[in-house]
Amino acid sequence: AALESERVERCARISYEVRADGPGRWFLARRNSARQSWGLTTYATRE
């Protein structure tokens, strides 16, 4: 139960954010509560 509670709290602090990555490229990143970022992939459109 303690492990599950920790997992739920950790997941609640995660966010997925989009930022510009050059002309016509958009970068999707996963951020943790310490604001560390891991890149996932790039997209051709912001939408």
All heavy atoms as atom14 arrays in JSON, in Angstrom:
{
  "sequence": "AALESERVERCARISYEVRADGPGRWFLARRNSARQSWGLTTYATRE",
  "atom14_mask": [
    [1, 1, 1, 1, 1, 0, 0, 0, 0, 0, 0, 0, 0, 0],
    [1, 1, 1, 1, 1, 0, 0, 0, 0, 0, 0, 0, 0, 0],
    [1, 1, 1, 1, 1, 1, 1, 1, 0, 0, 0, 0, 0, 0],
    [1, 1, 1, 1, 1, 1, 1, 1, 1, 0, 0, 0, 0, 0],
    [1, 1, 1, 1, 1, 1, 0, 0, 0, 0, 0, 0, 0, 0],
    [1, 1, 1, 1, 1, 1, 1, 1, 1, 0, 0, 0, 0, 0],
    [1, 1, 1, 1, 1, 1, 1, 1, 1, 1, 1, 0, 0, 0],
    [1, 1, 1, 1, 1, 1, 1, 0, 0, 0, 0, 0, 0, 0],
    [1, 1, 1, 1, 1, 1, 1, 1, 1, 0, 0, 0, 0, 0],
    [1, 1, 1, 1, 1, 1, 1, 1, 1, 1, 1, 0, 0, 0],
    [1, 1, 1, 1, 1, 1, 0, 0, 0, 0, 0, 0, 0, 0],
    [1, 1, 1, 1, 1, 0, 0, 0, 0, 0, 0, 0, 0, 0],
    [1, 1, 1, 1, 1, 1, 1, 1, 1, 1, 1, 0, 0, 0],
    [1, 1, 1, 1, 1, 1, 1, 1, 0, 0, 0, 0, 0, 0],
    [1, 1, 1, 1, 1, 1, 0, 0, 0, 0, 0, 0, 0, 0],
    [1, 1, 1, 1, 1, 1, 1, 1, 1, 1, 1, 1, 0, 0],
    [1, 1, 1, 1, 1, 1, 1, 1, 1, 0, 0, 0, 0, 0],
    [1, 1, 1, 1, 1, 1, 1, 0, 0, 0, 0, 0, 0, 0],
    [1, 1, 1, 1, 1, 1, 1, 1, 1, 1, 1, 0, 0, 0],
    [1, 1, 1, 1, 1, 0, 0, 0, 0, 0, 0, 0, 0, 0],
    [1, 1, 1, 1, 1, 1, 1, 1, 0, 0, 0, 0, 0, 0],
    [1, 1, 1, 1, 0, 0, 0, 0, 0, 0, 0, 0, 0, 0],
    [1, 1, 1, 1, 1, 1, 1, 0, 0, 0, 0, 0, 0, 0],
    [1, 1, 1, 1, 0, 0, 0, 0, 0, 0, 0, 0, 0, 0],
    [1, 1, 1, 1, 1, 1, 1, 1, 1, 1, 1, 0, 0, 0],
    [1, 1, 1, 1, 1, 1, 1, 1, 1, 1, 1, 1, 1, 1],
    [1, 1, 1, 1, 1, 1, 1, 1, 1, 1, 1, 0, 0, 0],
    [1, 1, 1, 1, 1, 1, 1, 1, 0, 0, 0, 0, 0, 0],
    [1, 1, 1, 1, 1, 0, 0, 0, 0, 0, 0, 0, 0, 0],
    [1, 1, 1, 1, 1, 1, 1, 1, 1, 1, 1, 0, 0, 0],
    [1, 1, 1, 1, 1, 1, 1, 1, 1, 1, 1, 0, 0, 0],
    [1, 1, 1, 1, 1, 1, 1, 1, 0, 0, 0, 0, 0, 0],
    [1, 1, 1, 1, 1, 1, 0, 0, 0, 0, 0, 0, 0, 0],
    [1, 1, 1, 1, 1, 0, 0, 0, 0, 0, 0, 0, 0, 0],
    [1, 1, 1, 1, 1, 1, 1, 1, 1, 1, 1, 0, 0, 0],
    [1, 1, 1, 1, 1, 1, 1, 1, 1, 0, 0, 0, 0, 0],
    [1, 1, 1, 1, 1, 1, 0, 0, 0, 0, 0, 0, 0, 0],
    [1, 1, 1, 1, 1, 1, 1, 1, 1, 1, 1, 1, 1, 1],
    [1, 1, 1, 1, 0, 0, 0, 0, 0, 0, 0, 0, 0, 0],
    [1, 1, 1, 1, 1, 1, 1, 1, 0, 0, 0, 0, 0, 0],
    [1, 1, 1, 1, 1, 1, 1, 0, 0, 0, 0, 0, 0, 0],
    [1, 1, 1, 1, 1, 1, 1, 0, 0, 0, 0, 0, 0, 0],
    [1, 1, 1, 1, 1, 1, 1, 1, 1, 1, 1, 1, 0, 0],
    [1, 1, 1, 1, 1, 0, 0, 0, 0, 0, 0, 0, 0, 0],
    [1, 1, 1, 1, 1, 1, 1, 0, 0, 0, 0, 0, 0, 0],
    [1, 1, 1, 1, 1, 1, 1, 1, 1, 1, 1, 0, 0, 0],
    [1, 1, 1, 1, 1, 1, 1, 1, 1, 0, 0, 0, 0, 0]
  ],
  "atom14_positions": [
    [[0.83, -1.21, 0.0], [0.0, 0.0, 0.0], [0.87, 1.26, 0.0], [0.56, 2.24, -0.69], [-0.93, 0.0, 1.21], [0.0, 0.0, 0.0], [0.0, 0.0, 0.0], [0.0, 0.0, 0.0], [0.0, 0.0, 0.0], [0.0, 0.0, 0.0], [0.0, 0.0, 0.0], [0.0, 0.0, 0.0], [0.0, 0.0, 0.0], [0.0, 0.0, 0.0]],
    [[1.96, 1.25, 0.75], [2.87, 2.4, 0.78], [3.53, 2.61, -0.58], [3.67, 3.75, -1.05], [3.93, 2.21, 1.86], [0.0, 0.0, 0.0], [0.0, 0.0, 0.0], [0.0, 0.0, 0.0], [0.0, 0.0, 0.0], [0.0, 0.0, 0.0], [0.0, 0.0, 0.0], [0.0, 0.0, 0.0], [0.0, 0.0, 0.0], [0.0, 0.0, 0.0]],
    [[3.94, 1.52, -1.23], [4.53, 1.63, -2.56], [3.52, 2.19, -3.57], [3.87, 3.04, -4.39], [5.03, 0.27, -3.04], [6.32, -0.25, -2.42], [6.64, -1.63, -2.96], [7.45, 0.7, -2.68], [0.0, 0.0, 0.0], [0.0, 0.0, 0.0], [0.0, 0.0, 0.0], [0.0, 0.0, 0.0], [0.0, 0.0, 0.0], [0.0, 0.0, 0.0]],
    [[2.3, 1.73, -3.5], [1.26, 2.21, -4.42], [0.98, 3.7, -4.18], [0.82, 4.47, -5.13], [-0.02, 1.39, -4.26], [-1.17, 1.87, -5.11], [-0.91, 1.76, -6.61], [0.05, 1.11, -7.03], [-1.7, 2.35, -7.37], [0.0, 0.0, 0.0], [0.0, 0.0, 0.0], [0.0, 0.0, 0.0], [0.0, 0.0, 0.0], [0.0, 0.0, 0.0]],
    [[0.93, 4.11, -2.93], [0.71, 5.51, -2.6], [1.83, 6.38, -3.15], [1.59, 7.44, -3.73], [0.6, 5.68, -1.09], [0.52, 7.02, -0.75], [0.0, 0.0, 0.0], [0.0, 0.0, 0.0], [0.0, 0.0, 0.0], [0.0, 0.0, 0.0], [0.0, 0.0, 0.0], [0.0, 0.0, 0.0], [0.0, 0.0, 0.0], [0.0, 0.0, 0.0]],
    [[3.06, 5.92, -3.01], [4.21, 6.66, -3.54], [4.15, 6.76, -5.07], [4.43, 7.8, -5.65], [5.5, 5.98, -3.12], [6.75, 6.68, -3.62], [8.02, 5.94, -3.24], [8.03, 5.25, -2.2], [8.99, 6.06, -3.99], [0.0, 0.0, 0.0], [0.0, 0.0, 0.0], [0.0, 0.0, 0.0], [0.0, 0.0, 0.0], [0.0, 0.0, 0.0]],
    [[3.76, 5.68, -5.72], [3.64, 5.67, -7.18], [2.6, 6.67, -7.66], [2.82, 7.45, -8.58], [3.29, 4.27, -7.69], [3.2, 4.19, -9.22], [2.52, 2.92, -9.67], [1.1, 2.92, -9.36], [0.17, 3.56, -10.07], [0.49, 4.28, -11.12], [-1.1, 3.49, -9.72], [0.0, 0.0, 0.0], [0.0, 0.0, 0.0], [0.0, 0.0, 0.0]],
    [[1.46, 6.7, -6.98], [0.38, 7.62, -7.35], [0.83, 9.07, -7.17], [0.6, 9.91, -8.04], [-0.89, 7.31, -6.54], [-1.93, 8.41, -6.7], [-1.47, 5.96, -6.96], [0.0, 0.0, 0.0], [0.0, 0.0, 0.0], [0.0, 0.0, 0.0], [0.0, 0.0, 0.0], [0.0, 0.0, 0.0], [0.0, 0.0, 0.0], [0.0, 0.0, 0.0]],
    [[1.49, 9.36, -6.06], [1.99, 10.72, -5.82], [3.02, 11.13, -6.86], [3.02, 12.25, -7.36], [2.6, 10.81, -4.42], [1.58, 10.78, -3.32], [2.22, 10.75, -1.95], [3.4, 11.15, -1.82], [1.55, 10.33, -1.0], [0.0, 0.0, 0.0], [0.0, 0.0, 0.0], [0.0, 0.0, 0.0], [0.0, 0.0, 0.0], [0.0, 0.0, 0.0]],
    [[3.93, 10.21, -7.21], [4.96, 10.5, -8.2], [4.33, 10.76, -9.58], [4.71, 11.7, -10.27], [5.95, 9.34, -8.27], [7.18, 9.61, -9.07], [8.21, 8.5, -8.97], [7.68, 7.18, -9.22], [7.54, 6.22, -8.3], [7.9, 6.45, -7.06], [7.05, 5.05, -8.62], [0.0, 0.0, 0.0], [0.0, 0.0, 0.0], [0.0, 0.0, 0.0]],
    [[3.36, 9.97, -9.95], [2.68, 10.16, -11.24], [1.92, 11.48, -11.28], [1.84, 12.12, -12.33], [1.73, 9.0, -11.52], [2.6, 7.49, -11.99], [0.0, 0.0, 0.0], [0.0, 0.0, 0.0], [0.0, 0.0, 0.0], [0.0, 0.0, 0.0], [0.0, 0.0, 0.0], [0.0, 0.0, 0.0], [0.0, 0.0, 0.0], [0.0, 0.0, 0.0]],
    [[1.38, 11.91, -10.15], [0.63, 13.17, -10.11], [1.54, 14.37, -10.37], [1.08, 15.4, -10.85], [-0.08, 13.32, -8.77], [0.0, 0.0, 0.0], [0.0, 0.0, 0.0], [0.0, 0.0, 0.0], [0.0, 0.0, 0.0], [0.0, 0.0, 0.0], [0.0, 0.0, 0.0], [0.0, 0.0, 0.0], [0.0, 0.0, 0.0], [0.0, 0.0, 0.0]],
    [[2.82, 14.22, -10.07], [3.77, 15.33, -10.27], [4.36, 15.38, -11.67], [5.05, 16.33, -12.02], [4.88, 15.24, -9.23], [4.41, 15.46, -7.81], [5.58, 15.54, -6.85], [6.45, 14.39, -6.89], [6.43, 13.39, -6.02], [5.57, 13.39, -5.03], [7.29, 12.39, -6.13], [0.0, 0.0, 0.0], [0.0, 0.0, 0.0], [0.0, 0.0, 0.0]],
    [[4.11, 14.38, -12.48], [4.64, 14.34, -13.84], [3.79, 15.21, -14.74], [2.58, 15.28, -14.6], [4.62, 12.89, -14.37], [5.61, 12.03, -13.58], [4.93, 12.84, -15.86], [5.48, 10.55, -13.87], [0.0, 0.0, 0.0], [0.0, 0.0, 0.0], [0.0, 0.0, 0.0], [0.0, 0.0, 0.0], [0.0, 0.0, 0.0], [0.0, 0.0, 0.0]],
    [[4.44, 15.88, -15.68], [3.69, 16.63, -16.69], [4.36, 16.44, -18.04], [5.56, 16.2, -18.13], [3.62, 18.11, -16.33], [4.89, 18.7, -16.41], [0.0, 0.0, 0.0], [0.0, 0.0, 0.0], [0.0, 0.0, 0.0], [0.0, 0.0, 0.0], [0.0, 0.0, 0.0], [0.0, 0.0, 0.0], [0.0, 0.0, 0.0], [0.0, 0.0, 0.0]],
    [[3.56, 16.51, -19.07], [4.05, 16.44, -20.44], [3.86, 17.82, -21.04], [2.77, 18.38, -20.99], [3.27, 15.39, -21.23], [3.52, 13.99, -20.71], [2.74, 13.45, -19.71], [4.58, 13.23, -21.21], [2.97, 12.18, -19.22], [4.83, 11.96, -20.71], [4.03, 11.44, -19.72], [4.27, 10.18, -19.23], [0.0, 0.0, 0.0], [0.0, 0.0, 0.0]],
    [[4.94, 18.38, -21.58], [4.91, 19.76, -22.07], [5.46, 19.82, -23.49], [6.3, 19.01, -23.88], [5.75, 20.64, -21.15], [5.23, 20.65, -19.73], [6.13, 21.39, -18.77], [7.2, 21.9, -19.2], [5.78, 21.46, -17.59], [0.0, 0.0, 0.0], [0.0, 0.0, 0.0], [0.0, 0.0, 0.0], [0.0, 0.0, 0.0], [0.0, 0.0, 0.0]],
    [[5.01, 20.82, -24.23], [5.42, 21.04, -25.61], [6.19, 22.34, -25.68], [5.8, 23.33, -25.07], [4.19, 21.11, -26.54], [4.61, 21.42, -27.97], [3.41, 19.8, -26.48], [0.0, 0.0, 0.0], [0.0, 0.0, 0.0], [0.0, 0.0, 0.0], [0.0, 0.0, 0.0], [0.0, 0.0, 0.0], [0.0, 0.0, 0.0], [0.0, 0.0, 0.0]],
    [[7.3, 22.33, -26.44], [8.04, 23.57, -26.67], [8.59, 23.55, -28.1], [8.74, 22.49, -28.71], [9.14, 23.75, -25.66], [10.27, 22.75, -25.75], [11.39, 23.11, -24.77], [12.54, 22.29, -24.99], [12.91, 21.27, -24.24], [12.19, 20.95, -23.18], [13.97, 20.57, -24.53], [0.0, 0.0, 0.0], [0.0, 0.0, 0.0], [0.0, 0.0, 0.0]],
    [[8.88, 24.73, -28.6], [9.43, 24.86, -29.95], [10.82, 24.22, -30.0], [11.61, 24.35, -29.08], [9.5, 26.31, -30.36], [0.0, 0.0, 0.0], [0.0, 0.0, 0.0], [0.0, 0.0, 0.0], [0.0, 0.0, 0.0], [0.0, 0.0, 0.0], [0.0, 0.0, 0.0], [0.0, 0.0, 0.0], [0.0, 0.0, 0.0], [0.0, 0.0, 0.0]],
    [[11.1, 23.54, -31.1], [12.4, 22.87, -31.28], [12.93, 23.18, -32.67], [13.3, 22.3, -33.43], [12.23, 21.37, -31.08], [13.55, 20.63, -31.06], [14.52, 21.19, -30.52], [13.62, 19.5, -31.58], [0.0, 0.0, 0.0], [0.0, 0.0, 0.0], [0.0, 0.0, 0.0], [0.0, 0.0, 0.0], [0.0, 0.0, 0.0], [0.0, 0.0, 0.0]],
    [[12.91, 24.45, -33.03], [13.37, 24.86, -34.35], [12.18, 25.2, -35.24], [11.03, 25.0, -34.85], [0.0, 0.0, 0.0], [0.0, 0.0, 0.0], [0.0, 0.0, 0.0], [0.0, 0.0, 0.0], [0.0, 0.0, 0.0], [0.0, 0.0, 0.0], [0.0, 0.0, 0.0], [0.0, 0.0, 0.0], [0.0, 0.0, 0.0], [0.0, 0.0, 0.0]],
    [[12.45, 25.67, -36.43], [11.37, 26.06, -37.34], [10.49, 24.87, -37.73], [10.98, 23.87, -38.26], [12.1, 26.6, -38.57], [13.51, 26.79, -38.15], [13.77, 25.91, -36.98], [0.0, 0.0, 0.0], [0.0, 0.0, 0.0], [0.0, 0.0, 0.0], [0.0, 0.0, 0.0], [0.0, 0.0, 0.0], [0.0, 0.0, 0.0], [0.0, 0.0, 0.0]],
    [[9.21, 24.97, -37.41], [8.26, 23.93, -37.8], [8.41, 22.62, -37.05], [7.91, 21.59, -37.48], [0.0, 0.0, 0.0], [0.0, 0.0, 0.0], [0.0, 0.0, 0.0], [0.0, 0.0, 0.0], [0.0, 0.0, 0.0], [0.0, 0.0, 0.0], [0.0, 0.0, 0.0], [0.0, 0.0, 0.0], [0.0, 0.0, 0.0], [0.0, 0.0, 0.0]],
    [[9.07, 22.63, -35.9], [9.24, 21.41, -35.1], [8.82, 21.68, -33.68], [9.14, 22.73, -33.11], [10.69, 20.94, -35.13], [11.13, 20.46, -36.5], [12.58, 20.09, -36.5], [12.9, 19.25, -35.34], [14.01, 18.56, -35.21], [14.92, 18.6, -36.14], [14.24, 17.84, -34.14], [0.0, 0.0, 0.0], [0.0, 0.0, 0.0], [0.0, 0.0, 0.0]],
    [[8.11, 20.75, -33.09], [7.62, 20.88, -31.72], [8.07, 19.67, -30.93], [7.92, 18.53, -31.35], [6.1, 21.02, -31.71], [5.71, 22.22, -32.49], [5.35, 22.28, -33.81], [5.71, 23.56, -32.02], [5.12, 23.57, -34.17], [5.33, 24.39, -33.09], [5.99, 24.15, -30.79], [5.22, 25.76, -32.98], [5.88, 25.51, -30.66], [5.5, 26.31, -31.75]],
    [[8.64, 19.91, -29.77], [9.26, 18.88, -28.94], [8.35, 18.55, -27.77], [7.92, 19.44, -27.04], [10.6, 19.43, -28.44], [11.42, 18.46, -27.67], [12.0, 17.38, -28.29], [11.62, 18.64, -26.32], [12.78, 16.49, -27.58], [12.39, 17.76, -25.59], [12.98, 16.68, -26.23], [0.0, 0.0, 0.0], [0.0, 0.0, 0.0], [0.0, 0.0, 0.0]],
    [[8.06, 17.28, -27.57], [7.26, 16.82, -26.43], [8.21, 16.27, -25.38], [9.04, 15.41, -25.67], [6.29, 15.72, -26.88], [5.42, 15.11, -25.78], [4.48, 16.15, -25.21], [4.66, 13.92, -26.32], [0.0, 0.0, 0.0], [0.0, 0.0, 0.0], [0.0, 0.0, 0.0], [0.0, 0.0, 0.0], [0.0, 0.0, 0.0], [0.0, 0.0, 0.0]],
    [[8.12, 16.8, -24.17], [9.0, 16.4, -23.08], [8.19, 15.99, -21.86], [7.1, 16.49, -21.63], [9.94, 17.54, -22.7], [0.0, 0.0, 0.0], [0.0, 0.0, 0.0], [0.0, 0.0, 0.0], [0.0, 0.0, 0.0], [0.0, 0.0, 0.0], [0.0, 0.0, 0.0], [0.0, 0.0, 0.0], [0.0, 0.0, 0.0], [0.0, 0.0, 0.0]],
    [[8.75, 15.07, -21.1], [8.15, 14.65, -19.83], [8.96, 15.3, -18.72], [10.18, 15.19, -18.68], [8.22, 13.13, -19.72], [7.73, 12.6, -18.4], [7.85, 11.09, -18.38], [7.67, 10.59, -17.05], [7.06, 9.46, -16.77], [6.61, 8.7, -17.73], [6.94, 9.07, -15.52], [0.0, 0.0, 0.0], [0.0, 0.0, 0.0], [0.0, 0.0, 0.0]],
    [[8.27, 15.98, -17.79], [8.95, 16.65, -16.68], [8.51, 16.02, -15.35], [7.35, 15.69, -15.18], [8.61, 18.13, -16.65], [9.21, 18.9, -17.77], [9.09, 20.38, -17.46], [9.64, 21.17, -18.53], [10.9, 21.56, -18.59], [11.73, 21.23, -17.64], [11.33, 22.27, -19.6], [0.0, 0.0, 0.0], [0.0, 0.0, 0.0], [0.0, 0.0, 0.0]],
    [[9.47, 15.92, -14.43], [9.14, 15.44, -13.09], [9.0, 16.63, -12.15], [9.12, 17.78, -12.57], [10.16, 14.42, -12.6], [11.54, 15.0, -12.42], [11.73, 16.21, -12.38], [12.52, 14.13, -12.29], [0.0, 0.0, 0.0], [0.0, 0.0, 0.0], [0.0, 0.0, 0.0], [0.0, 0.0, 0.0], [0.0, 0.0, 0.0], [0.0, 0.0, 0.0]],
    [[8.77, 16.38, -10.89], [8.54, 17.47, -9.93], [9.78, 18.32, -9.71], [9.68, 19.46, -9.27], [8.05, 16.91, -8.6], [9.02, 16.02, -8.07], [0.0, 0.0, 0.0], [0.0, 0.0, 0.0], [0.0, 0.0, 0.0], [0.0, 0.0, 0.0], [0.0, 0.0, 0.0], [0.0, 0.0, 0.0], [0.0, 0.0, 0.0], [0.0, 0.0, 0.0]],
    [[10.97, 17.81, -10.01], [12.2, 18.57, -9.88], [12.48, 19.38, -11.15], [13.53, 19.99, -11.27], [13.38, 17.64, -9.59], [0.0, 0.0, 0.0], [0.0, 0.0, 0.0], [0.0, 0.0, 0.0], [0.0, 0.0, 0.0], [0.0, 0.0, 0.0], [0.0, 0.0, 0.0], [0.0, 0.0, 0.0], [0.0, 0.0, 0.0], [0.0, 0.0, 0.0]],
    [[11.53, 19.37, -12.08], [11.61, 20.09, -13.36], [12.68, 19.52, -14.28], [13.14, 20.17, -15.2], [11.82, 21.59, -13.16], [10.78, 22.27, -12.28], [9.36, 22.06, -12.72], [9.09, 22.73, -13.98], [8.09, 22.43, -14.78], [7.26, 21.48, -14.43], [7.91, 23.06, -15.89], [0.0, 0.0, 0.0], [0.0, 0.0, 0.0], [0.0, 0.0, 0.0]],
    [[13.13, 18.28, -14.02], [14.02, 17.6, -14.95], [13.18, 17.16, -16.13], [12.02, 16.78, -15.98], [14.67, 16.39, -14.29], [15.58, 16.76, -13.15], [16.0, 15.53, -12.38], [15.19, 14.65, -12.11], [17.27, 15.48, -12.01], [0.0, 0.0, 0.0], [0.0, 0.0, 0.0], [0.0, 0.0, 0.0], [0.0, 0.0, 0.0], [0.0, 0.0, 0.0]],
    [[13.77, 17.19, -17.31], [13.02, 16.9, -18.52], [13.66, 15.77, -19.31], [14.88, 15.7, -19.42], [12.96, 18.17, -19.38], [12.29, 17.91, -20.57], [0.0, 0.0, 0.0], [0.0, 0.0, 0.0], [0.0, 0.0, 0.0], [0.0, 0.0, 0.0], [0.0, 0.0, 0.0], [0.0, 0.0, 0.0], [0.0, 0.0, 0.0], [0.0, 0.0, 0.0]],
    [[12.82, 14.9, -19.85], [13.26, 13.84, -20.73], [12.52, 14.0, -22.04], [11.3, 14.1, -22.06], [12.92, 12.46, -20.16], [13.73, 12.12, -18.97], [14.91, 11.43, -18.95], [13.44, 12.44, -17.61], [15.36, 11.32, -17.68], [14.47, 11.93, -16.83], [12.4, 13.12, -16.99], [14.51, 12.07, -15.45], [12.44, 13.27, -15.62], [13.48, 12.74, -14.87]],
    [[13.24, 14.04, -23.12], [12.61, 14.2, -24.43], [11.93, 12.92, -24.87], [12.44, 11.83, -24.66], [0.0, 0.0, 0.0], [0.0, 0.0, 0.0], [0.0, 0.0, 0.0], [0.0, 0.0, 0.0], [0.0, 0.0, 0.0], [0.0, 0.0, 0.0], [0.0, 0.0, 0.0], [0.0, 0.0, 0.0], [0.0, 0.0, 0.0], [0.0, 0.0, 0.0]],
    [[10.78, 13.1, -25.49], [10.06, 11.95, -26.01], [10.16, 11.89, -27.53], [10.61, 10.91, -28.08], [8.59, 12.0, -25.58], [8.35, 11.93, -24.07], [6.88, 12.06, -23.77], [8.89, 10.65, -23.51], [0.0, 0.0, 0.0], [0.0, 0.0, 0.0], [0.0, 0.0, 0.0], [0.0, 0.0, 0.0], [0.0, 0.0, 0.0], [0.0, 0.0, 0.0]],
    [[9.73, 12.94, -28.19], [9.77, 12.97, -29.65], [9.46, 14.37, -30.16], [9.11, 15.25, -29.39], [8.78, 11.95, -30.23], [9.01, 11.8, -31.62], [7.35, 12.36, -29.98], [0.0, 0.0, 0.0], [0.0, 0.0, 0.0], [0.0, 0.0, 0.0], [0.0, 0.0, 0.0], [0.0, 0.0, 0.0], [0.0, 0.0, 0.0], [0.0, 0.0, 0.0]],
    [[9.61, 14.57, -31.46], [9.26, 15.86, -32.06], [8.09, 15.66, -33.02], [7.89, 14.56, -33.55], [10.44, 16.48, -32.82], [10.88, 15.57, -33.81], [11.58, 16.83, -31.89], [0.0, 0.0, 0.0], [0.0, 0.0, 0.0], [0.0, 0.0, 0.0], [0.0, 0.0, 0.0], [0.0, 0.0, 0.0], [0.0, 0.0, 0.0], [0.0, 0.0, 0.0]],
    [[7.34, 16.73, -33.21], [6.17, 16.71, -34.1], [6.27, 17.86, -35.09], [6.88, 18.89, -34.81], [4.88, 16.85, -33.29], [4.6, 15.63, -32.45], [5.12, 15.51, -31.17], [3.84, 14.6, -32.96], [4.89, 14.38, -30.41], [3.6, 13.46, -32.2], [4.12, 13.36, -30.94], [3.89, 12.24, -30.2], [0.0, 0.0, 0.0], [0.0, 0.0, 0.0]],
    [[5.64, 17.69, -36.25], [5.68, 18.72, -37.3], [4.71, 19.86, -37.02], [4.91, 20.97, -37.49], [5.38, 18.09, -38.65], [0.0, 0.0, 0.0], [0.0, 0.0, 0.0], [0.0, 0.0, 0.0], [0.0, 0.0, 0.0], [0.0, 0.0, 0.0], [0.0, 0.0, 0.0], [0.0, 0.0, 0.0], [0.0, 0.0, 0.0], [0.0, 0.0, 0.0]],
    [[3.65, 19.59, -36.26], [2.68, 20.65, -35.97], [2.47, 20.79, -34.47], [2.55, 19.81, -33.72], [1.3, 20.37, -36.62], [0.73, 19.21, -36.02], [1.43, 20.18, -38.12], [0.0, 0.0, 0.0], [0.0, 0.0, 0.0], [0.0, 0.0, 0.0], [0.0, 0.0, 0.0], [0.0, 0.0, 0.0], [0.0, 0.0, 0.0], [0.0, 0.0, 0.0]],
    [[2.2, 22.0, -34.04], [1.94, 22.28, -32.63], [0.67, 21.56, -32.18], [0.59, 21.05, -31.06], [1.81, 23.8, -32.44], [1.42, 24.23, -31.04], [2.58, 24.03, -30.1], [2.21, 24.22, -28.72], [2.84, 25.04, -27.9], [3.84, 25.76, -28.32], [2.48, 25.12, -26.65], [0.0, 0.0, 0.0], [0.0, 0.0, 0.0], [0.0, 0.0, 0.0]],
    [[-0.33, 21.49, -33.06], [-1.6, 20.86, -32.71], [-1.41, 19.38, -32.38], [-1.99, 18.87, -31.42], [-2.61, 21.02, -33.84], [-3.06, 22.44, -34.08], [-2.05, 23.27, -34.86], [-1.16, 22.7, -35.55], [-2.14, 24.51, -34.79], [0.0, 0.0, 0.0], [0.0, 0.0, 0.0], [0.0, 0.0, 0.0], [0.0, 0.0, 0.0], [0.0, 0.0, 0.0]]
  ]
}
